[in-house]
Amino acid sequence: MAEPIRINSNSQLPSTYSPKTDQTKVEGQSFAEALAQKVNLPESQTLKFSNHAQKRLERRDLTLTDDGLARLSSAVDKAEKRGGRESLVLMDEMAFIVNVKDRVVVTAMDANQRGEGVFTQIDSVVLAENAK
């Protein structure tokens, strides 16, 4: 079973914060690069996480496993094939707003933070399926 990738909460993160991988600091790598390296995604399928999305994941203590990151990437691929530009990706109990063209996760939330359940400024919704 794949180990989940967790972002530890830290209210005073420096602007050049990079998460730890295998207990060693990854210098000069973004969060998304470290995730992609961990699951060996090709560069064309690499997802980037905006600073806002990274902070949301940390504050909300949301965890993405290797499988979850692969499912999210696959969902973005599906949205791109169908012409999606700003997509809501629903996966398990989490929701992600993704800029499809740039492959950037703009924000992330779980069932407790969805507010009234209204999402604006999106043009598509993708259900991230479980890997078979």
Protein backbone atom coordinates (compact mmCIF):
# COMPACT_ATOMS: atom_id res chain seq x y z
CA MET A 1 0.00 0.00 0.00
CA ALA A 2 1.32 3.43 -0.89
CA GLU A 3 2.25 5.77 1.93
CA PRO A 4 0.05 8.89 2.05
CA ILE A 5 1.68 12.22 1.32
CA ARG A 6 0.93 14.58 4.20
CA ILE A 7 1.61 18.23 4.60
CA ASN A 8 2.23 19.14 8.20
CA SER A 9 0.46 22.22 9.50
CA ASN A 10 2.78 25.14 10.21
CA SER A 11 1.32 28.61 10.56
CA GLN A 12 4.62 30.36 9.73
CA LEU A 13 5.80 28.78 6.49
CA PRO A 14 8.47 30.66 4.55
CA SER A 15 7.56 31.67 1.00
CA THR A 16 10.06 29.12 -0.36
CA TYR A 17 8.62 26.24 1.67
CA SER A 18 9.33 22.79 0.26
CA PRO A 19 7.86 19.69 1.91
CA LYS A 20 10.13 16.94 3.12
CA THR A 21 10.48 13.75 1.11
CA ASP A 22 11.88 10.66 2.82
CA GLN A 23 12.81 12.83 5.82
CA THR A 24 15.28 14.97 3.83
CA LYS A 25 14.65 18.54 2.73
CA VAL A 26 14.09 18.89 -0.99
CA GLU A 27 15.84 22.12 -1.97
CA GLY A 28 14.55 24.13 -4.91
CA GLN A 29 11.59 21.86 -5.64
CA SER A 30 7.98 22.88 -5.52
CA PHE A 31 5.39 20.82 -3.69
CA ALA A 32 3.99 19.53 -6.99
CA GLU A 33 7.45 18.57 -8.28
CA ALA A 34 8.12 16.58 -5.12
CA LEU A 35 4.75 14.84 -5.46
CA ALA A 36 5.32 14.08 -9.14
CA GLN A 37 8.78 12.71 -8.38
CA LYS A 38 7.36 10.47 -5.66
CA VAL A 39 4.81 8.91 -8.03
CA ASN A 40 6.98 9.19 -11.19
CA LEU A 41 4.48 11.11 -13.31
CA PRO A 42 5.65 12.23 -16.75
CA GLU A 43 6.20 16.00 -17.00
CA SER A 44 3.15 16.36 -19.28
CA GLN A 45 0.92 14.87 -16.54
CA THR A 46 2.47 16.75 -13.63
CA LEU A 47 0.02 18.78 -11.59
CA LYS A 48 1.10 21.98 -9.96
CA PHE A 49 -0.46 23.24 -6.74
CA SER A 50 -0.93 26.98 -6.34
CA ASN A 51 0.33 28.57 -3.15
CA HIS A 52 -3.32 28.96 -2.11
CA ALA A 53 -4.03 25.26 -2.72
CA GLN A 54 -0.94 24.22 -0.75
CA LYS A 55 -2.04 26.34 2.20
CA ARG A 56 -5.58 24.91 2.00
CA LEU A 57 -4.23 21.35 2.01
CA GLU A 58 -2.07 22.16 5.04
CA ARG A 59 -4.73 24.05 7.01
CA ARG A 60 -7.41 21.50 6.31
CA ASP A 61 -5.08 18.57 6.97
CA LEU A 62 -5.98 16.98 3.62
CA THR A 63 -3.88 14.05 2.46
CA LEU A 64 -3.23 12.86 -1.08
CA THR A 65 -1.86 9.35 -1.54
CA ASP A 66 0.10 8.32 -4.63
CA ASP A 67 -3.12 6.79 -5.95
CA GLY A 68 -5.06 9.97 -5.19
CA LEU A 69 -2.58 12.13 -7.06
CA ALA A 70 -2.72 9.76 -10.05
CA ARG A 71 -6.55 9.83 -9.97
CA LEU A 72 -6.56 13.63 -9.81
CA SER A 73 -4.14 13.81 -12.76
CA SER A 74 -6.28 11.37 -14.74
CA ALA A 75 -9.39 13.45 -14.04
CA VAL A 76 -7.61 16.57 -15.32
CA ASP A 77 -6.66 14.62 -18.48
CA LYS A 78 -10.33 13.77 -19.00
CA ALA A 79 -11.38 17.39 -18.55
CA GLU A 80 -8.74 18.51 -21.03
CA LYS A 81 -9.91 15.99 -23.65
CA ARG A 82 -13.47 17.33 -23.34
CA GLY A 83 -12.44 21.00 -23.55
CA GLY A 84 -12.66 21.87 -19.86
CA ARG A 85 -10.89 25.04 -18.76
CA GLU A 86 -11.75 25.46 -15.07
CA SER A 87 -12.91 22.16 -13.61
CA LEU A 88 -14.28 20.97 -10.32
CA VAL A 89 -12.79 17.54 -9.65
CA LEU A 90 -14.68 15.45 -7.09
CA MET A 91 -12.68 12.64 -5.51
CA ASP A 92 -13.86 10.68 -2.49
CA GLU A 93 -14.66 13.31 0.16
CA MET A 94 -12.48 15.99 -1.46
CA ALA A 95 -13.08 18.62 -4.13
CA PHE A 96 -10.45 20.44 -6.19
CA ILE A 97 -10.77 23.41 -8.51
CA VAL A 98 -8.24 22.97 -11.32
CA ASN A 99 -7.06 25.24 -14.12
CA VAL A 100 -6.95 22.50 -16.77
CA LYS A 101 -4.79 24.22 -19.41
CA ASP A 102 -2.00 25.00 -16.95
CA ARG A 103 -2.61 21.84 -14.87
CA VAL A 104 -2.73 23.92 -11.68
CA VAL A 105 -4.81 22.93 -8.66
CA VAL A 106 -6.24 26.29 -7.56
CA THR A 107 -7.88 25.19 -4.32
CA ALA A 108 -8.79 22.07 -2.36
CA MET A 109 -11.48 21.31 0.18
CA ASP A 110 -13.16 18.43 1.93
CA ALA A 111 -16.82 17.80 2.73
CA ASN A 112 -16.63 19.98 5.86
CA GLN A 113 -15.35 23.07 4.01
CA ARG A 114 -17.68 23.11 1.02
CA GLY A 115 -19.84 25.82 2.57
CA GLU A 116 -23.20 25.87 0.84
CA GLY A 117 -21.95 23.54 -1.87
CA VAL A 118 -22.00 26.23 -4.56
CA PHE A 119 -19.04 26.39 -6.94
CA THR A 120 -18.72 29.31 -9.34
CA GLN A 121 -16.44 30.14 -12.26
CA ILE A 122 -16.12 26.53 -13.42
CA ASP A 123 -17.13 25.07 -16.77
CA SER A 124 -16.96 21.36 -16.01
CA VAL A 125 -17.19 18.74 -13.28
CA VAL A 126 -15.13 15.55 -13.32
CA LEU A 127 -15.57 12.54 -11.04
CA ALA A 128 -12.16 11.05 -10.27
CA GLU A 129 -12.69 7.31 -10.51
CA ASN A 130 -10.94 4.71 -8.41
CA ALA A 131 -8.03 2.99 -10.12
CA LYS A 132 -8.95 -0.49 -11.29
